[in-house]
Amino acid sequence: MTPDISDVKKLLDEINAAVSSYDPILKEKARDLLLKQAFGAEAYSLKTAPSSGKDENNSAAANPVAFHQLVEKWTPDTQAEWALLASYYFQEVLRKESLTAFEVNKELKQHGSVISNITMSLDENINQNPALMRQIGKAGKTKQAKKKYIVTTNGINFVKDKLNGQKQS
């Protein structure tokens, strides 16, 4: 028997109220657990949504991790490394095609890592040799226009090495 829509809405409102005061990092997991308990199925999550054109058998896509779990494996030393780790999270874990400085900075702030100038930190990764990130687009002509970035293969390998505890030469 299918539950009445008003009953479902009431239950979802109760779940939202229950997790509203939770820490942002724990809120999503708590919500998923409550939804599973209420409806008996895994909650649909952006992290587990099908990717567009990328290998869906990738272990990161199969077992998505939260940003704080990446930080537990590697705590960056510089602001540029923090920006790179957050960018890696958006691209490789959340499977985003591109990312913006705003998204990266917002994620870092929620984690408690404040970057004094996110654009300069991203540019530092772009100016590495070899480049760890690349700017792929820009909305507008001004210097302050919204820019889109990706992490390069070298950047992905750099982060993976750090997450696996390997030192860079």
C-alpha atoms as a PDB file:
ATOM      1  CA  MET A   1       0.000   0.000   0.000  1.00  0.00           C
ATOM      2  CA  THR A   2       1.334   3.434  -0.952  1.00  0.00           C
ATOM      3  CA  PRO A   3       1.412   5.961   1.886  1.00  0.00           C
ATOM      4  CA  ASP A   4      -0.689   9.104   1.582  1.00  0.00           C
ATOM      5  CA  ILE A   5       1.315  12.104   0.312  1.00  0.00           C
ATOM      6  CA  SER A   6       0.372  14.139   3.393  1.00  0.00           C
ATOM      7  CA  ASP A   7       1.793  11.384   5.626  1.00  0.00           C
ATOM      8  CA  VAL A   8       5.006  11.346   3.607  1.00  0.00           C
ATOM      9  CA  LYS A   9       5.321  15.144   3.788  1.00  0.00           C
ATOM     10  CA  LYS A  10       4.725  15.076   7.543  1.00  0.00           C
ATOM     11  CA  LEU A  11       7.419  12.406   7.966  1.00  0.00           C
ATOM     12  CA  LEU A  12       9.891  14.358   5.806  1.00  0.00           C
ATOM     13  CA  ASP A  13       9.185  17.524   7.811  1.00  0.00           C
ATOM     14  CA  GLU A  14       9.897  15.600  11.029  1.00  0.00           C
ATOM     15  CA  ILE A  15      13.184  14.308   9.579  1.00  0.00           C
ATOM     16  CA  ASN A  16      14.211  17.817   8.505  1.00  0.00           C
ATOM     17  CA  ALA A  17      13.364  19.184  11.949  1.00  0.00           C
ATOM     18  CA  ALA A  18      15.311  16.392  13.638  1.00  0.00           C
ATOM     19  CA  VAL A  19      18.545  17.022  11.690  1.00  0.00           C
ATOM     20  CA  SER A  20      18.310  20.822  11.359  1.00  0.00           C
ATOM     21  CA  SER A  21      20.499  21.453  14.409  1.00  0.00           C
ATOM     22  CA  TYR A  22      23.136  18.872  13.464  1.00  0.00           C
ATOM     23  CA  ASP A  23      26.653  19.750  12.419  1.00  0.00           C
ATOM     24  CA  PRO A  24      26.708  20.209   8.599  1.00  0.00           C
ATOM     25  CA  ILE A  25      29.119  17.307   8.219  1.00  0.00           C
ATOM     26  CA  LEU A  26      26.858  14.899  10.109  1.00  0.00           C
ATOM     27  CA  LYS A  27      23.547  16.282   8.826  1.00  0.00           C
ATOM     28  CA  GLU A  28      23.599  14.433   5.492  1.00  0.00           C
ATOM     29  CA  LYS A  29      24.460  11.064   7.032  1.00  0.00           C
ATOM     30  CA  ALA A  30      21.788  11.467   9.710  1.00  0.00           C
ATOM     31  CA  ARG A  31      19.213  12.440   7.099  1.00  0.00           C
ATOM     32  CA  ASP A  32      20.074   9.384   4.987  1.00  0.00           C
ATOM     33  CA  LEU A  33      19.797   7.073   7.997  1.00  0.00           C
ATOM     34  CA  LEU A  34      16.408   8.505   8.970  1.00  0.00           C
ATOM     35  CA  LEU A  35      15.118   8.244   5.392  1.00  0.00           C
ATOM     36  CA  LYS A  36      16.290   4.645   5.181  1.00  0.00           C
ATOM     37  CA  GLN A  37      14.545   3.886   8.483  1.00  0.00           C
ATOM     38  CA  ALA A  38      11.349   5.641   7.378  1.00  0.00           C
ATOM     39  CA  PHE A  39      11.104   4.307   3.835  1.00  0.00           C
ATOM     40  CA  GLY A  40      13.263   1.182   3.923  1.00  0.00           C
ATOM     41  CA  ALA A  41      15.429   2.211   0.974  1.00  0.00           C
ATOM     42  CA  GLU A  42      18.683   4.002   0.360  1.00  0.00           C
ATOM     43  CA  ALA A  43      18.221   7.746  -0.015  1.00  0.00           C
ATOM     44  CA  TYR A  44      19.055   9.191  -3.401  1.00  0.00           C
ATOM     45  CA  SER A  45      22.124  11.329  -3.007  1.00  0.00           C
ATOM     46  CA  LEU A  46      23.968  13.662  -5.366  1.00  0.00           C
ATOM     47  CA  LYS A  47      27.121  11.775  -4.495  1.00  0.00           C
ATOM     48  CA  THR A  48      25.710   8.526  -5.811  1.00  0.00           C
ATOM     49  CA  ALA A  49      23.937  10.015  -8.822  1.00  0.00           C
ATOM     50  CA  PRO A  50      25.160   8.640 -12.147  1.00  0.00           C
ATOM     51  CA  SER A  51      28.090  10.590 -13.476  1.00  0.00           C
ATOM     52  CA  SER A  52      28.139  11.960 -16.979  1.00  0.00           C
ATOM     53  CA  GLY A  53      30.704  10.126 -19.027  1.00  0.00           C
ATOM     54  CA  LYS A  54      33.090   9.218 -16.227  1.00  0.00           C
ATOM     55  CA  ASP A  55      33.870   5.693 -15.095  1.00  0.00           C
ATOM     56  CA  GLU A  56      31.006   4.737 -12.792  1.00  0.00           C
ATOM     57  CA  ASN A  57      32.973   1.772 -11.452  1.00  0.00           C
ATOM     58  CA  ASN A  58      35.508   4.156  -9.929  1.00  0.00           C
ATOM     59  CA  SER A  59      35.977   3.396  -6.242  1.00  0.00           C
ATOM     60  CA  ALA A  60      35.363   7.060  -5.306  1.00  0.00           C
ATOM     61  CA  ALA A  61      31.972   6.960  -7.034  1.00  0.00           C
ATOM     62  CA  ALA A  62      31.092   3.577  -5.530  1.00  0.00           C
ATOM     63  CA  ASN A  63      32.029   4.600  -1.972  1.00  0.00           C
ATOM     64  CA  PRO A  64      31.585   8.371  -1.726  1.00  0.00           C
ATOM     65  CA  VAL A  65      33.343  10.031   1.173  1.00  0.00           C
ATOM     66  CA  ALA A  66      32.718  13.287   2.967  1.00  0.00           C
ATOM     67  CA  PHE A  67      35.221  16.125   2.717  1.00  0.00           C
ATOM     68  CA  HIS A  68      36.252  15.742   6.371  1.00  0.00           C
ATOM     69  CA  GLN A  69      37.267  12.129   5.647  1.00  0.00           C
ATOM     70  CA  LEU A  70      39.756  13.376   3.058  1.00  0.00           C
ATOM     71  CA  VAL A  71      41.158  15.832   5.601  1.00  0.00           C
ATOM     72  CA  GLU A  72      41.592  12.976   8.093  1.00  0.00           C
ATOM     73  CA  LYS A  73      43.873  11.270   5.563  1.00  0.00           C
ATOM     74  CA  TRP A  74      45.801  14.418   4.599  1.00  0.00           C
ATOM     75  CA  THR A  75      45.779  17.791   6.296  1.00  0.00           C
ATOM     76  CA  PRO A  76      47.217  20.301   3.791  1.00  0.00           C
ATOM     77  CA  ASP A  77      49.994  22.652   4.863  1.00  0.00           C
ATOM     78  CA  THR A  78      49.290  25.624   2.578  1.00  0.00           C
ATOM     79  CA  GLN A  79      46.195  27.501   1.464  1.00  0.00           C
ATOM     80  CA  ALA A  80      46.864  26.397  -2.125  1.00  0.00           C
ATOM     81  CA  GLU A  81      46.883  22.754  -0.997  1.00  0.00           C
ATOM     82  CA  TRP A  82      43.598  23.283   0.888  1.00  0.00           C
ATOM     83  CA  ALA A  83      42.078  24.749  -2.298  1.00  0.00           C
ATOM     84  CA  LEU A  84      43.412  21.803  -4.312  1.00  0.00           C
ATOM     85  CA  LEU A  85      41.998  19.237  -1.878  1.00  0.00           C
ATOM     86  CA  ALA A  86      38.546  20.873  -1.925  1.00  0.00           C
ATOM     87  CA  SER A  87      38.683  21.090  -5.735  1.00  0.00           C
ATOM     88  CA  TYR A  88      39.626  17.405  -5.893  1.00  0.00           C
ATOM     89  CA  TYR A  89      36.637  16.648  -3.655  1.00  0.00           C
ATOM     90  CA  PHE A  90      34.222  18.398  -6.037  1.00  0.00           C
ATOM     91  CA  GLN A  91      35.692  16.866  -9.175  1.00  0.00           C
ATOM     92  CA  GLU A  92      36.585  13.327  -8.143  1.00  0.00           C
ATOM     93  CA  VAL A  93      34.207  12.563  -5.262  1.00  0.00           C
ATOM     94  CA  LEU A  94      31.128  14.594  -6.209  1.00  0.00           C
ATOM     95  CA  ARG A  95      31.872  14.056  -9.937  1.00  0.00           C
ATOM     96  CA  LYS A  96      31.343  17.692 -10.972  1.00  0.00           C
ATOM     97  CA  GLU A  97      32.480  18.583 -14.496  1.00  0.00           C
ATOM     98  CA  SER A  98      33.927  21.894 -13.304  1.00  0.00           C
ATOM     99  CA  LEU A  99      34.004  23.974 -10.140  1.00  0.00           C
ATOM    100  CA  THR A 100      34.060  27.598  -9.064  1.00  0.00           C
ATOM    101  CA  ALA A 101      36.108  29.446  -6.476  1.00  0.00           C
ATOM    102  CA  PHE A 102      32.871  30.190  -4.617  1.00  0.00           C
ATOM    103  CA  GLU A 103      32.042  26.475  -4.217  1.00  0.00           C
ATOM    104  CA  VAL A 104      35.548  25.633  -3.055  1.00  0.00           C
ATOM    105  CA  ASN A 105      35.678  28.514  -0.589  1.00  0.00           C
ATOM    106  CA  LYS A 106      32.216  27.673   0.788  1.00  0.00           C
ATOM    107  CA  GLU A 107      33.194  24.037   1.410  1.00  0.00           C
ATOM    108  CA  LEU A 108      36.416  25.097   3.117  1.00  0.00           C
ATOM    109  CA  LYS A 109      34.574  27.597   5.340  1.00  0.00           C
ATOM    110  CA  GLN A 110      32.060  24.925   6.371  1.00  0.00           C
ATOM    111  CA  HIS A 111      34.998  22.755   7.358  1.00  0.00           C
ATOM    112  CA  GLY A 112      36.556  25.614   9.325  1.00  0.00           C
ATOM    113  CA  SER A 113      39.450  26.294   6.940  1.00  0.00           C
ATOM    114  CA  VAL A 114      39.448  29.930   5.950  1.00  0.00           C
ATOM    115  CA  ILE A 115      41.381  30.920   2.820  1.00  0.00           C
ATOM    116  CA  SER A 116      42.396  34.578   2.729  1.00  0.00           C
ATOM    117  CA  ASN A 117      42.114  34.808  -1.088  1.00  0.00           C
ATOM    118  CA  ILE A 118      40.675  31.746  -2.814  1.00  0.00           C
ATOM    119  CA  THR A 119      41.433  33.021  -6.328  1.00  0.00           C
ATOM    120  CA  MET A 120      45.117  33.472  -5.498  1.00  0.00           C
ATOM    121  CA  SER A 121      45.226  29.972  -3.989  1.00  0.00           C
ATOM    122  CA  LEU A 122      43.667  28.473  -7.119  1.00  0.00           C
ATOM    123  CA  ASP A 123      46.034  30.512  -9.324  1.00  0.00           C
ATOM    124  CA  GLU A 124      48.975  29.147  -7.328  1.00  0.00           C
ATOM    125  CA  ASN A 125      47.868  25.621  -8.297  1.00  0.00           C
ATOM    126  CA  ILE A 126      47.475  26.727 -11.924  1.00  0.00           C
ATOM    127  CA  ASN A 127      50.983  28.229 -11.956  1.00  0.00           C
ATOM    128  CA  GLN A 128      52.697  25.095 -10.607  1.00  0.00           C
ATOM    129  CA  ASN A 129      54.962  23.212 -12.975  1.00  0.00           C
ATOM    130  CA  PRO A 130      53.319  20.910 -13.920  1.00  0.00           C
ATOM    131  CA  ALA A 131      49.966  22.625 -13.421  1.00  0.00           C
ATOM    132  CA  LEU A 132      47.757  21.059 -10.737  1.00  0.00           C
ATOM    133  CA  MET A 133      44.621  22.932 -11.881  1.00  0.00           C
ATOM    134  CA  ARG A 134      43.410  24.706 -14.987  1.00  0.00           C
ATOM    135  CA  GLN A 135      40.928  27.504 -15.633  1.00  0.00           C
ATOM    136  CA  ILE A 136      38.540  26.288 -18.344  1.00  0.00           C
ATOM    137  CA  GLY A 137      36.050  29.107 -18.619  1.00  0.00           C
ATOM    138  CA  LYS A 138      34.932  32.520 -17.530  1.00  0.00           C
ATOM    139  CA  ALA A 139      31.473  34.103 -17.408  1.00  0.00           C
ATOM    140  CA  GLY A 140      32.026  37.727 -18.407  1.00  0.00           C
ATOM    141  CA  LYS A 141      34.911  39.933 -19.425  1.00  0.00           C
ATOM    142  CA  THR A 142      35.877  41.566 -16.131  1.00  0.00           C
ATOM    143  CA  LYS A 143      38.704  40.381 -13.912  1.00  0.00           C
ATOM    144  CA  GLN A 144      36.121  39.532 -11.228  1.00  0.00           C
ATOM    145  CA  ALA A 145      34.007  37.357 -13.567  1.00  0.00           C
ATOM    146  CA  LYS A 146      32.994  33.893 -12.350  1.00  0.00           C
ATOM    147  CA  LYS A 147      35.672  31.432 -13.449  1.00  0.00           C
ATOM    148  CA  LYS A 148      35.379  27.675 -13.925  1.00  0.00           C
ATOM    149  CA  TYR A 149      38.221  25.362 -12.969  1.00  0.00           C
ATOM    150  CA  ILE A 150      39.207  21.708 -13.210  1.00  0.00           C
ATOM    151  CA  VAL A 151      41.905  19.693 -11.462  1.00  0.00           C
ATOM    152  CA  THR A 152      44.462  18.348 -13.938  1.00  0.00           C
ATOM    153  CA  THR A 153      45.646  14.749 -14.029  1.00  0.00           C
ATOM    154  CA  ASN A 154      48.824  15.908 -12.261  1.00  0.00           C
ATOM    155  CA  GLY A 155      46.695  17.553  -9.567  1.00  0.00           C
ATOM    156  CA  ILE A 156      44.598  14.425  -9.106  1.00  0.00           C
ATOM    157  CA  ASN A 157      47.740  12.291  -8.805  1.00  0.00           C
ATOM    158  CA  PHE A 158      49.277  14.781  -6.355  1.00  0.00           C
ATOM    159  CA  VAL A 159      46.208  14.632  -4.081  1.00  0.00           C
ATOM    160  CA  LYS A 160      45.932  10.847  -4.343  1.00  0.00           C
ATOM    161  CA  ASP A 161      49.598  10.503  -3.362  1.00  0.00           C
ATOM    162  CA  LYS A 162      49.057  12.796  -0.365  1.00  0.00           C
ATOM    163  CA  LEU A 163      45.900  10.919   0.658  1.00  0.00           C
ATOM    164  CA  ASN A 164      47.845   7.668   0.483  1.00  0.00           C
ATOM    165  CA  GLY A 165      50.581   9.132   2.708  1.00  0.00           C
ATOM    166  CA  GLN A 166      53.268   9.412   0.030  1.00  0.00           C
ATOM    167  CA  LYS A 167      55.710  12.309   0.055  1.00  0.00           C
ATOM    168  CA  GLN A 168      56.163  14.462  -3.041  1.00  0.00           C
ATOM    169  CA  SER A 169      59.672  14.942  -4.399  1.00  0.00           C
END
